Amino acid sequence: LGLSGPPGAGKSTFIECFGKMLTERKHKVSVLAVDPSSSTSGGSLLGDKTRMTELSRDMNAYIRPSPTSGTLGGVTRTTNEAILLCEGGGYDVVLVETVGVGQSEFAVADMVDMFILLLPPAGGDELQGIKRGIIEMADLVAINKADGDLVVAARRIQAEYTSAMKLLRKRSRVWRPKV
């Protein structure tokens, strides 16, 4: 599964909760987390693993943070090969977390079985949803952080994206993207 979304959408938190649920169900989970690299120093924080403290201690989970090292598209130059290595190593679920992305960073969509776009409740209006690019590549749009005071905003954005997705050309004849 490829997971993408804007910075602050809660990708790492979602992956930790989802990953823990999967390992509790006896799955072996691999997380390939991609962090942006500095164009100035070339360095990368690689901090996603620190946001997944419980999952990182789980014996049925493997988390590998990697820098983009200047690669565009939200992934690294070797993400596809890393997915294959994880599958060959016995991990039956591989989650690829892209860098916090915009509308054109969706290279992961061609590397995975399902591409999930996580959006916060304040993720824009219907006009944002009909922009071409990352939205039309998504197999599933998940409105994250949809609790407390944000429930109403989350339901509104869900309705707007559901409506907007109907205007997009379908990538598959058998799957209709869900919001």
N, C-alpha and C. Protein backbone atom coordinates (compact mmCIF):
# COMPACT_ATOMS: atom_id res chain seq x y z
N LEU A 1 0.84 -1.18 0.00
CA LEU A 1 0.00 0.00 0.00
C LEU A 1 0.88 1.23 0.00
N GLY A 2 0.57 2.19 -0.84
CA GLY A 2 1.25 3.47 -0.83
C GLY A 2 0.38 4.47 -0.11
N LEU A 3 0.98 5.22 0.81
CA LEU A 3 0.25 6.24 1.56
C LEU A 3 0.91 7.59 1.34
N SER A 4 0.10 8.55 0.97
CA SER A 4 0.62 9.87 0.70
C SER A 4 -0.33 10.91 1.25
N GLY A 5 0.11 12.13 1.25
CA GLY A 5 -0.73 13.22 1.72
C GLY A 5 0.13 14.41 2.06
N PRO A 6 -0.52 15.54 2.32
CA PRO A 6 0.25 16.74 2.64
C PRO A 6 0.92 16.62 4.01
N PRO A 7 1.94 17.42 4.25
CA PRO A 7 2.58 17.40 5.57
C PRO A 7 1.54 17.66 6.66
N GLY A 8 1.61 16.90 7.73
CA GLY A 8 0.69 17.09 8.85
C GLY A 8 -0.63 16.37 8.72
N ALA A 9 -0.80 15.55 7.68
CA ALA A 9 -2.07 14.83 7.50
C ALA A 9 -2.19 13.65 8.47
N GLY A 10 -1.09 13.27 9.11
CA GLY A 10 -1.13 12.17 10.06
C GLY A 10 -0.74 10.83 9.46
N LYS A 11 0.11 10.85 8.44
CA LYS A 11 0.50 9.61 7.77
C LYS A 11 1.20 8.65 8.73
N SER A 12 2.19 9.12 9.47
CA SER A 12 2.93 8.24 10.38
C SER A 12 2.04 7.70 11.49
N THR A 13 1.19 8.54 12.04
CA THR A 13 0.28 8.10 13.10
C THR A 13 -0.70 7.06 12.57
N PHE A 14 -1.22 7.29 11.37
CA PHE A 14 -2.12 6.33 10.74
C PHE A 14 -1.41 5.00 10.53
N ILE A 15 -0.18 5.06 10.00
CA ILE A 15 0.57 3.84 9.73
C ILE A 15 0.85 3.07 11.01
N GLU A 16 1.18 3.77 12.09
CA GLU A 16 1.44 3.06 13.34
C GLU A 16 0.18 2.33 13.82
N CYS A 17 -0.95 3.00 13.82
CA CYS A 17 -2.21 2.35 14.26
C CYS A 17 -2.60 1.21 13.34
N PHE A 18 -2.54 1.43 12.04
CA PHE A 18 -2.89 0.41 11.07
C PHE A 18 -1.91 -0.76 11.14
N GLY A 19 -0.63 -0.45 11.23
CA GLY A 19 0.41 -1.48 11.33
C GLY A 19 0.24 -2.35 12.56
N LYS A 20 -0.07 -1.73 13.70
CA LYS A 20 -0.30 -2.50 14.93
C LYS A 20 -1.51 -3.41 14.78
N MET A 21 -2.57 -2.91 14.15
CA MET A 21 -3.75 -3.74 13.91
C MET A 21 -3.38 -4.94 13.05
N LEU A 22 -2.57 -4.73 12.03
CA LEU A 22 -2.17 -5.82 11.15
C LEU A 22 -1.29 -6.84 11.87
N THR A 23 -0.32 -6.39 12.66
CA THR A 23 0.54 -7.34 13.38
C THR A 23 -0.24 -8.12 14.42
N GLU A 24 -1.24 -7.51 15.03
CA GLU A 24 -2.10 -8.22 15.98
C GLU A 24 -2.88 -9.33 15.28
N ARG A 25 -3.09 -9.16 13.98
CA ARG A 25 -3.78 -10.17 13.16
C ARG A 25 -2.80 -11.11 12.48
N LYS A 26 -1.58 -11.15 13.00
CA LYS A 26 -0.53 -12.09 12.57
C LYS A 26 0.08 -11.79 11.20
N HIS A 27 -0.03 -10.56 10.75
CA HIS A 27 0.65 -10.17 9.51
C HIS A 27 2.06 -9.70 9.84
N LYS A 28 2.96 -9.85 8.88
CA LYS A 28 4.30 -9.27 8.99
C LYS A 28 4.27 -7.99 8.15
N VAL A 29 4.57 -6.87 8.80
CA VAL A 29 4.41 -5.56 8.19
C VAL A 29 5.76 -4.88 8.01
N SER A 30 5.99 -4.37 6.82
CA SER A 30 7.18 -3.58 6.53
C SER A 30 6.73 -2.17 6.18
N VAL A 31 7.40 -1.18 6.77
CA VAL A 31 7.10 0.22 6.49
C VAL A 31 8.33 0.85 5.86
N LEU A 32 8.17 1.37 4.67
CA LEU A 32 9.23 2.11 4.00
C LEU A 32 8.83 3.57 4.04
N ALA A 33 9.45 4.32 4.95
CA ALA A 33 9.10 5.72 5.15
C ALA A 33 10.12 6.61 4.45
N VAL A 34 9.63 7.49 3.59
CA VAL A 34 10.50 8.36 2.81
C VAL A 34 10.47 9.77 3.40
N ASP A 35 11.65 10.31 3.68
CA ASP A 35 11.79 11.66 4.22
C ASP A 35 12.46 12.56 3.19
N PRO A 36 12.08 13.83 3.19
CA PRO A 36 12.73 14.76 2.25
C PRO A 36 14.18 15.00 2.65
N SER A 37 15.00 15.25 1.66
CA SER A 37 16.40 15.61 1.89
C SER A 37 16.56 17.11 1.68
N SER A 38 17.45 17.70 2.45
CA SER A 38 17.74 19.13 2.34
C SER A 38 18.46 19.41 1.03
N SER A 39 18.01 20.41 0.30
CA SER A 39 18.70 20.79 -0.93
C SER A 39 19.98 21.56 -0.60
N THR A 40 20.09 22.04 0.64
CA THR A 40 21.28 22.77 1.06
C THR A 40 22.37 21.84 1.56
N SER A 41 22.02 21.01 2.56
CA SER A 41 23.04 20.15 3.18
C SER A 41 23.05 18.73 2.63
N GLY A 42 21.94 18.33 1.99
CA GLY A 42 21.82 16.95 1.50
C GLY A 42 21.37 15.99 2.57
N GLY A 43 21.31 16.46 3.81
CA GLY A 43 20.91 15.60 4.92
C GLY A 43 19.41 15.40 4.99
N SER A 44 19.01 14.44 5.82
CA SER A 44 17.61 14.11 5.99
C SER A 44 17.37 13.76 7.45
N LEU A 45 16.24 14.16 7.99
CA LEU A 45 15.93 13.92 9.40
C LEU A 45 15.65 12.46 9.71
N LEU A 46 14.97 11.76 8.80
CA LEU A 46 14.59 10.35 8.97
C LEU A 46 13.85 10.15 10.30
N GLY A 47 12.92 11.04 10.59
CA GLY A 47 12.22 11.02 11.87
C GLY A 47 10.94 10.23 11.91
N ASP A 48 10.51 9.65 10.79
CA ASP A 48 9.23 8.94 10.80
C ASP A 48 9.24 7.77 11.77
N LYS A 49 10.35 7.11 11.93
CA LYS A 49 10.42 5.95 12.83
C LYS A 49 10.17 6.37 14.27
N THR A 50 10.57 7.59 14.63
CA THR A 50 10.35 8.06 16.00
C THR A 50 8.88 8.32 16.27
N ARG A 51 8.09 8.52 15.22
CA ARG A 51 6.65 8.72 15.39
C ARG A 51 5.91 7.39 15.50
N MET A 52 6.60 6.29 15.24
CA MET A 52 5.98 4.97 15.28
C MET A 52 6.66 4.12 16.35
N THR A 53 6.69 4.63 17.57
CA THR A 53 7.45 3.96 18.64
C THR A 53 6.94 2.56 18.96
N GLU A 54 5.63 2.40 19.05
CA GLU A 54 5.07 1.07 19.36
C GLU A 54 5.33 0.08 18.23
N LEU A 55 5.08 0.52 17.02
CA LEU A 55 5.27 -0.37 15.87
C LEU A 55 6.76 -0.71 15.69
N SER A 56 7.64 0.22 15.99
CA SER A 56 9.08 -0.04 15.83
C SER A 56 9.59 -1.09 16.81
N ARG A 57 8.86 -1.31 17.91
CA ARG A 57 9.25 -2.34 18.88
C ARG A 57 8.57 -3.68 18.62
N ASP A 58 7.69 -3.72 17.66
CA ASP A 58 6.93 -4.94 17.34
C ASP A 58 7.81 -5.88 16.53
N MET A 59 7.94 -7.12 16.98
CA MET A 59 8.81 -8.10 16.30
C MET A 59 8.28 -8.49 14.91
N ASN A 60 7.02 -8.23 14.62
CA ASN A 60 6.46 -8.55 13.32
C ASN A 60 6.41 -7.33 12.39
N ALA A 61 7.17 -6.30 12.76
CA ALA A 61 7.21 -5.09 11.94
C ALA A 61 8.64 -4.67 11.69
N TYR A 62 8.85 -4.10 10.52
CA TYR A 62 10.15 -3.58 10.12
C TYR A 62 9.91 -2.18 9.57
N ILE A 63 10.64 -1.19 10.07
CA ILE A 63 10.49 0.18 9.60
C ILE A 63 11.83 0.64 9.06
N ARG A 64 11.82 1.11 7.82
CA ARG A 64 13.05 1.59 7.18
C ARG A 64 12.82 2.99 6.65
N PRO A 65 13.37 4.01 7.37
CA PRO A 65 13.31 5.36 6.83
C PRO A 65 14.40 5.55 5.78
N SER A 66 14.10 6.28 4.72
CA SER A 66 15.07 6.53 3.64
C SER A 66 14.92 7.98 3.17
N PRO A 67 16.04 8.62 2.81
CA PRO A 67 15.97 9.99 2.29
C PRO A 67 15.65 9.99 0.80
N THR A 68 15.02 11.06 0.35
CA THR A 68 14.73 11.18 -1.09
C THR A 68 15.99 11.42 -1.89
N SER A 69 16.98 12.04 -1.28
CA SER A 69 18.26 12.33 -1.97
C SER A 69 18.05 13.00 -3.32
N GLY A 70 17.10 13.93 -3.36
CA GLY A 70 16.86 14.69 -4.58
C GLY A 70 15.92 14.05 -5.57
N THR A 71 15.44 12.84 -5.29
CA THR A 71 14.50 12.17 -6.20
C THR A 71 13.13 12.82 -6.06
N LEU A 72 12.48 13.09 -7.18
CA LEU A 72 11.15 13.68 -7.17
C LEU A 72 10.10 12.58 -7.20
N GLY A 73 8.87 12.92 -6.91
CA GLY A 73 7.77 11.96 -6.97
C GLY A 73 7.32 11.46 -5.61
N GLY A 74 8.01 11.87 -4.52
CA GLY A 74 7.58 11.49 -3.17
C GLY A 74 8.24 10.22 -2.65
N VAL A 75 9.08 9.57 -3.46
CA VAL A 75 9.73 8.32 -3.06
C VAL A 75 11.24 8.44 -3.31
N THR A 76 11.97 7.36 -3.07
CA THR A 76 13.40 7.35 -3.34
C THR A 76 13.66 6.67 -4.69
N ARG A 77 14.88 6.75 -5.13
CA ARG A 77 15.27 6.12 -6.39
C ARG A 77 15.14 4.60 -6.32
N THR A 78 15.23 4.03 -5.11
CA THR A 78 15.23 2.57 -4.94
C THR A 78 14.00 2.04 -4.20
N THR A 79 12.94 2.82 -4.11
CA THR A 79 11.75 2.37 -3.38
C THR A 79 11.16 1.09 -3.97
N ASN A 80 11.07 1.02 -5.29
CA ASN A 80 10.48 -0.17 -5.92
C ASN A 80 11.28 -1.42 -5.57
N GLU A 81 12.60 -1.33 -5.61
CA GLU A 81 13.45 -2.47 -5.26
C GLU A 81 13.30 -2.84 -3.78
N ALA A 82 13.17 -1.82 -2.92
CA ALA A 82 13.00 -2.07 -1.48
C ALA A 82 11.68 -2.81 -1.21
N ILE A 83 10.64 -2.48 -1.97
CA ILE A 83 9.36 -3.18 -1.83
C ILE A 83 9.56 -4.67 -2.16
N LEU A 84 10.24 -4.94 -3.26
CA LEU A 84 10.48 -6.33 -3.67
C LEU A 84 11.31 -7.09 -2.63
N LEU A 85 12.31 -6.43 -2.05
CA LEU A 85 13.13 -7.07 -1.01
C LEU A 85 12.30 -7.40 0.23
N CYS A 86 11.42 -6.49 0.62
CA CYS A 86 10.56 -6.74 1.78
C CYS A 86 9.62 -7.92 1.52
N GLU A 87 9.04 -7.96 0.33
CA GLU A 87 8.17 -9.08 -0.02
C GLU A 87 8.96 -10.38 -0.01
N GLY A 88 10.17 -10.36 -0.58
CA GLY A 88 11.02 -11.55 -0.59
C GLY A 88 11.46 -11.96 0.80
N GLY A 89 11.51 -11.00 1.72
CA GLY A 89 11.89 -11.28 3.11
C GLY A 89 10.74 -11.78 3.97
N GLY A 90 9.59 -12.01 3.36
CA GLY A 90 8.47 -12.59 4.10
C GLY A 90 7.46 -11.61 4.65
N TYR A 91 7.59 -10.34 4.33
CA TYR A 91 6.60 -9.37 4.80
C TYR A 91 5.40 -9.41 3.86
N ASP A 92 4.23 -9.72 4.41
CA ASP A 92 3.05 -9.86 3.55
C ASP A 92 2.30 -8.54 3.35
N VAL A 93 2.63 -7.52 4.15
CA VAL A 93 2.08 -6.19 3.94
C VAL A 93 3.25 -5.20 3.92
N VAL A 94 3.35 -4.44 2.84
CA VAL A 94 4.38 -3.41 2.73
C VAL A 94 3.67 -2.07 2.61
N LEU A 95 3.96 -1.18 3.54
CA LEU A 95 3.38 0.16 3.54
C LEU A 95 4.47 1.14 3.14
N VAL A 96 4.23 1.94 2.11
CA VAL A 96 5.19 2.93 1.67
C VAL A 96 4.62 4.30 2.00
N GLU A 97 5.29 4.99 2.93
CA GLU A 97 4.89 6.35 3.29
C GLU A 97 5.74 7.33 2.51
N THR A 98 5.11 8.12 1.65
CA THR A 98 5.84 9.10 0.87
C THR A 98 6.15 10.32 1.72
N VAL A 99 6.98 11.20 1.20
CA VAL A 99 7.20 12.49 1.85
C VAL A 99 5.88 13.24 1.84
N GLY A 100 5.74 14.26 2.68
CA GLY A 100 4.55 15.10 2.62
C GLY A 100 4.50 15.74 1.25
N VAL A 101 3.47 15.46 0.49
CA VAL A 101 3.48 15.78 -0.94
C VAL A 101 2.42 16.78 -1.36
N GLY A 102 2.57 17.25 -2.57
CA GLY A 102 1.61 18.13 -3.21
C GLY A 102 0.85 17.38 -4.28
N GLN A 103 0.49 18.07 -5.36
CA GLN A 103 -0.42 17.49 -6.34
C GLN A 103 0.26 16.68 -7.44
N SER A 104 1.59 16.69 -7.50
CA SER A 104 2.22 15.97 -8.61
C SER A 104 3.18 14.87 -8.14
N GLU A 105 3.26 14.62 -6.85
CA GLU A 105 4.17 13.59 -6.34
C GLU A 105 3.41 12.30 -6.07
N PHE A 106 3.26 11.49 -7.10
CA PHE A 106 2.49 10.26 -6.94
C PHE A 106 3.17 9.06 -7.60
N ALA A 107 4.49 9.07 -7.67
CA ALA A 107 5.23 7.96 -8.29
C ALA A 107 4.92 6.63 -7.61
N VAL A 108 4.62 6.65 -6.33
CA VAL A 108 4.35 5.42 -5.59
C VAL A 108 3.11 4.69 -6.13
N ALA A 109 2.20 5.41 -6.74
CA ALA A 109 0.96 4.80 -7.24
C ALA A 109 1.23 3.67 -8.23
N ASP A 110 2.33 3.77 -8.98
CA ASP A 110 2.67 2.73 -9.95
C ASP A 110 3.48 1.59 -9.35
N MET A 111 3.80 1.68 -8.05
CA MET A 111 4.62 0.66 -7.39
C MET A 111 3.82 -0.24 -6.46
N VAL A 112 2.57 0.12 -6.20
CA VAL A 112 1.79 -0.57 -5.17
C VAL A 112 0.46 -1.07 -5.72
N ASP A 113 -0.18 -1.96 -4.94
CA ASP A 113 -1.49 -2.48 -5.33
C ASP A 113 -2.60 -1.47 -5.06
N MET A 114 -2.42 -0.63 -4.02
CA MET A 114 -3.42 0.37 -3.68
C MET A 114 -2.73 1.64 -3.23
N PHE A 115 -3.19 2.77 -3.76
CA PHE A 115 -2.64 4.07 -3.42
C PHE A 115 -3.67 4.83 -2.59
N ILE A 116 -3.28 5.16 -1.36
CA ILE A 116 -4.19 5.83 -0.43
C ILE A 116 -3.70 7.26 -0.20
N LEU A 117 -4.59 8.20 -0.36
CA LEU A 117 -4.29 9.60 -0.10
C LEU A 117 -4.95 10.00 1.20
N LEU A 118 -4.14 10.38 2.19
CA LEU A 118 -4.66 10.85 3.48
C LEU A 118 -4.76 12.36 3.44
N LEU A 119 -5.90 12.87 3.85
CA LEU A 119 -6.11 14.31 3.88
C LEU A 119 -6.65 14.72 5.24
N PRO A 120 -6.23 15.88 5.74
CA PRO A 120 -6.83 16.39 6.97
C PRO A 120 -8.18 17.02 6.64
N PRO A 121 -9.04 17.21 7.64
CA PRO A 121 -10.36 17.79 7.38
C PRO A 121 -10.31 19.16 6.71
N ALA A 122 -9.23 19.88 6.88
CA ALA A 122 -9.09 21.18 6.24
C ALA A 122 -8.25 21.04 4.98
N GLY A 123 -8.53 19.98 4.21
CA GLY A 123 -7.72 19.66 3.05
C GLY A 123 -8.12 20.36 1.77
N GLY A 124 -8.88 21.40 1.85
CA GLY A 124 -9.29 22.12 0.64
C GLY A 124 -10.75 21.88 0.33
N ASP A 125 -11.23 22.52 -0.69
CA ASP A 125 -12.62 22.39 -1.07
C ASP A 125 -12.75 21.51 -2.31
N GLU A 126 -13.93 21.44 -2.85
CA GLU A 126 -14.17 20.58 -4.01
C GLU A 126 -13.27 20.97 -5.18
N LEU A 127 -12.95 22.24 -5.32
CA LEU A 127 -12.06 22.68 -6.39
C LEU A 127 -10.70 22.00 -6.27
N GLN A 128 -10.20 21.85 -5.04
CA GLN A 128 -8.94 21.15 -4.83
C GLN A 128 -9.08 19.70 -5.30
N GLY A 129 -10.24 19.11 -5.04
CA GLY A 129 -10.47 17.71 -5.37
C GLY A 129 -10.49 17.41 -6.85
N ILE A 130 -10.89 18.39 -7.67
CA ILE A 130 -10.97 18.11 -9.10
C ILE A 130 -9.69 18.46 -9.84
N LYS A 131 -8.70 19.01 -9.15
CA LYS A 131 -7.42 19.26 -9.80
C LYS A 131 -6.80 17.92 -10.18
N ARG A 132 -6.26 17.88 -11.37
CA ARG A 132 -5.65 16.65 -11.84
C ARG A 132 -4.34 16.41 -11.10
N GLY A 133 -3.91 15.18 -11.11
CA GLY A 133 -2.66 14.85 -10.44
C GLY A 133 -2.89 13.79 -9.39
N ILE A 134 -2.47 14.06 -8.19
CA ILE A 134 -2.49 13.07 -7.13
C ILE A 134 -3.90 12.57 -6.82
N ILE A 135 -4.89 13.44 -6.93
CA ILE A 135 -6.27 13.04 -6.63
C ILE A 135 -6.75 11.98 -7.61
N GLU A 136 -6.45 12.14 -8.89
CA GLU A 136 -6.94 11.16 -9.85
C GLU A 136 -6.16 9.85 -9.80
N MET A 137 -5.03 9.82 -9.11
CA MET A 137 -4.26 8.59 -8.96
C MET A 137 -4.71 7.78 -7.74
N ALA A 138 -5.44 8.40 -6.81
CA ALA A 138 -5.81 7.75 -5.56
C ALA A 138 -6.86 6.67 -5.76
N ASP A 139 -6.62 5.51 -5.13
CA ASP A 139 -7.62 4.44 -5.10
C ASP A 139 -8.55 4.63 -3.91
N LEU A 140 -8.04 5.31 -2.91
CA LEU A 140 -8.81 5.57 -1.68
C LEU A 140 -8.36 6.91 -1.13
N VAL A 141 -9.32 7.76 -0.78
CA VAL A 141 -9.02 9.02 -0.11
C VAL A 141 -9.56 8.88 1.30
N ALA A 142 -8.67 9.00 2.28
CA ALA A 142 -9.07 8.87 3.68
C ALA A 142 -8.95 10.23 4.35
N ILE A 143 -10.05 10.69 4.91
CA ILE A 143 -10.03 11.95 5.65
C ILE A 143 -9.61 11.59 7.07
N ASN A 144 -8.44 12.01 7.45
CA ASN A 144 -7.83 11.67 8.74
C ASN A 144 -8.12 12.78 9.75
N LYS A 145 -7.86 12.51 11.01
CA LYS A 145 -8.07 13.49 12.09
C LYS A 145 -9.53 13.92 12.15
N ALA A 146 -10.43 12.99 11.87
CA ALA A 146 -11.85 13.29 11.77
C ALA A 146 -12.56 13.00 13.10
N ASP A 147 -12.11 13.68 14.15
CA ASP A 147 -12.75 13.49 15.45
C ASP A 147 -12.89 14.83 16.17
N GLY A 148 -13.57 14.81 17.31
CA GLY A 148 -13.74 16.02 18.10
C GLY A 148 -14.40 17.13 17.31
N ASP A 149 -13.81 18.31 17.38
CA ASP A 149 -14.35 19.49 16.70
C ASP A 149 -14.25 19.41 15.18
N LEU A 150 -13.49 18.44 14.67
CA LEU A 150 -13.27 18.34 13.23
C LEU A 150 -14.24 17.40 12.51
N VAL A 151 -15.17 16.80 13.24
CA VAL A 151 -16.10 15.84 12.63
C VAL A 151 -16.92 16.50 11.53
N VAL A 152 -17.46 17.66 11.79
CA VAL A 152 -18.31 18.34 10.80
C VAL A 152 -17.48 18.70 9.56
N ALA A 153 -16.29 19.24 9.78
CA ALA A 153 -15.42 19.59 8.64
C ALA A 153 -15.04 18.35 7.86
N ALA A 154 -14.78 17.24 8.55
CA ALA A 154 -14.40 15.99 7.88
C ALA A 154 -15.55 15.47 7.02
N ARG A 155 -16.76 15.51 7.55
CA ARG A 155 -17.92 15.04 6.75
C ARG A 155 -18.14 15.93 5.53
N ARG A 156 -17.93 17.24 5.70
CA ARG A 156 -18.09 18.17 4.57
C ARG A 156 -17.05 17.87 3.50
N ILE A 157 -15.79 17.71 3.89
CA ILE A 157 -14.73 17.47 2.92
C ILE A 157 -14.91 16.11 2.26
N GLN A 158 -15.43 15.14 3.02
CA GLN A 158 -15.71 13.82 2.44
C GLN A 158 -16.76 13.95 1.33
N ALA A 159 -17.82 14.69 1.59
CA ALA A 159 -18.88 14.87 0.59
C ALA A 159 -18.33 15.61 -0.64
N GLU A 160 -17.50 16.62 -0.42
CA GLU A 160 -16.95 17.38 -1.54
C GLU A 160 -16.02 16.53 -2.40
N TYR A 161 -15.18 15.72 -1.76
CA TYR A 161 -14.26 14.87 -2.54
C TYR A 161 -15.02 13.73 -3.22
N THR A 162 -16.03 13.19 -2.58
CA THR A 162 -16.85 12.16 -3.22
C THR A 162 -17.48 12.71 -4.49
N SER A 163 -18.00 13.91 -4.41
CA SER A 163 -18.61 14.55 -5.57
C SER A 163 -17.55 14.83 -6.64
N ALA A 164 -16.40 15.36 -6.24
CA ALA A 164 -15.35 15.70 -7.19
C ALA A 164 -14.79 14.47 -7.88
N MET A 165 -14.66 13.36 -7.16
CA MET A 165 -14.08 12.14 -7.74
C MET A 165 -14.95 11.57 -8.85
N LYS A 166 -16.23 11.88 -8.84
CA LYS A 166 -17.12 11.40 -9.91
C LYS A 166 -16.79 12.05 -11.25
N LEU A 167 -16.12 13.19 -11.21
CA LEU A 167 -15.77 13.91 -12.44
C LEU A 167 -14.47 13.41 -13.07
N LEU A 168 -13.72 12.61 -12.34
CA LEU A 168 -12.43 12.15 -12.82
C LEU A 168 -12.55 10.86 -13.63
N ARG A 169 -11.66 10.71 -14.59
CA ARG A 169 -11.62 9.49 -15.39
C ARG A 169 -11.17 8.33 -14.50
N LYS A 170 -11.81 7.20 -14.66
CA LYS A 170 -11.50 6.02 -13.85
C LYS A 170 -10.21 5.37 -14.34
N ARG A 171 -9.35 4.94 -13.41
CA ARG A 171 -8.11 4.23 -13.75
C ARG A 171 -8.38 2.75 -13.96
N SER A 172 -9.47 2.25 -13.39
CA SER A 172 -9.76 0.82 -13.44
C SER A 172 -11.22 0.61 -13.81
N ARG A 173 -11.46 -0.49 -14.51
CA ARG A 173 -12.85 -0.81 -14.84
C ARG A 173 -13.57 -1.50 -13.70
N VAL A 174 -12.82 -2.03 -12.72
CA VAL A 174 -13.45 -2.80 -11.64
C VAL A 174 -13.44 -2.10 -10.28
N TRP A 175 -12.62 -1.08 -10.11
CA TRP A 175 -12.55 -0.41 -8.81
C TRP A 175 -12.95 1.05 -8.94
N ARG A 176 -13.88 1.48 -8.11
CA ARG A 176 -14.26 2.89 -8.03
C ARG A 176 -13.58 3.47 -6.79
N PRO A 177 -12.77 4.51 -6.95
CA PRO A 177 -12.13 5.12 -5.78
C PRO A 177 -13.16 5.53 -4.74
N LYS A 178 -12.81 5.32 -3.49
CA LYS A 178 -13.70 5.61 -2.35
C LYS A 178 -13.13 6.80 -1.56
N VAL A 179 -14.01 7.51 -0.89
CA VAL A 179 -13.60 8.59 0.01
C VAL A 179 -14.17 8.24 1.39
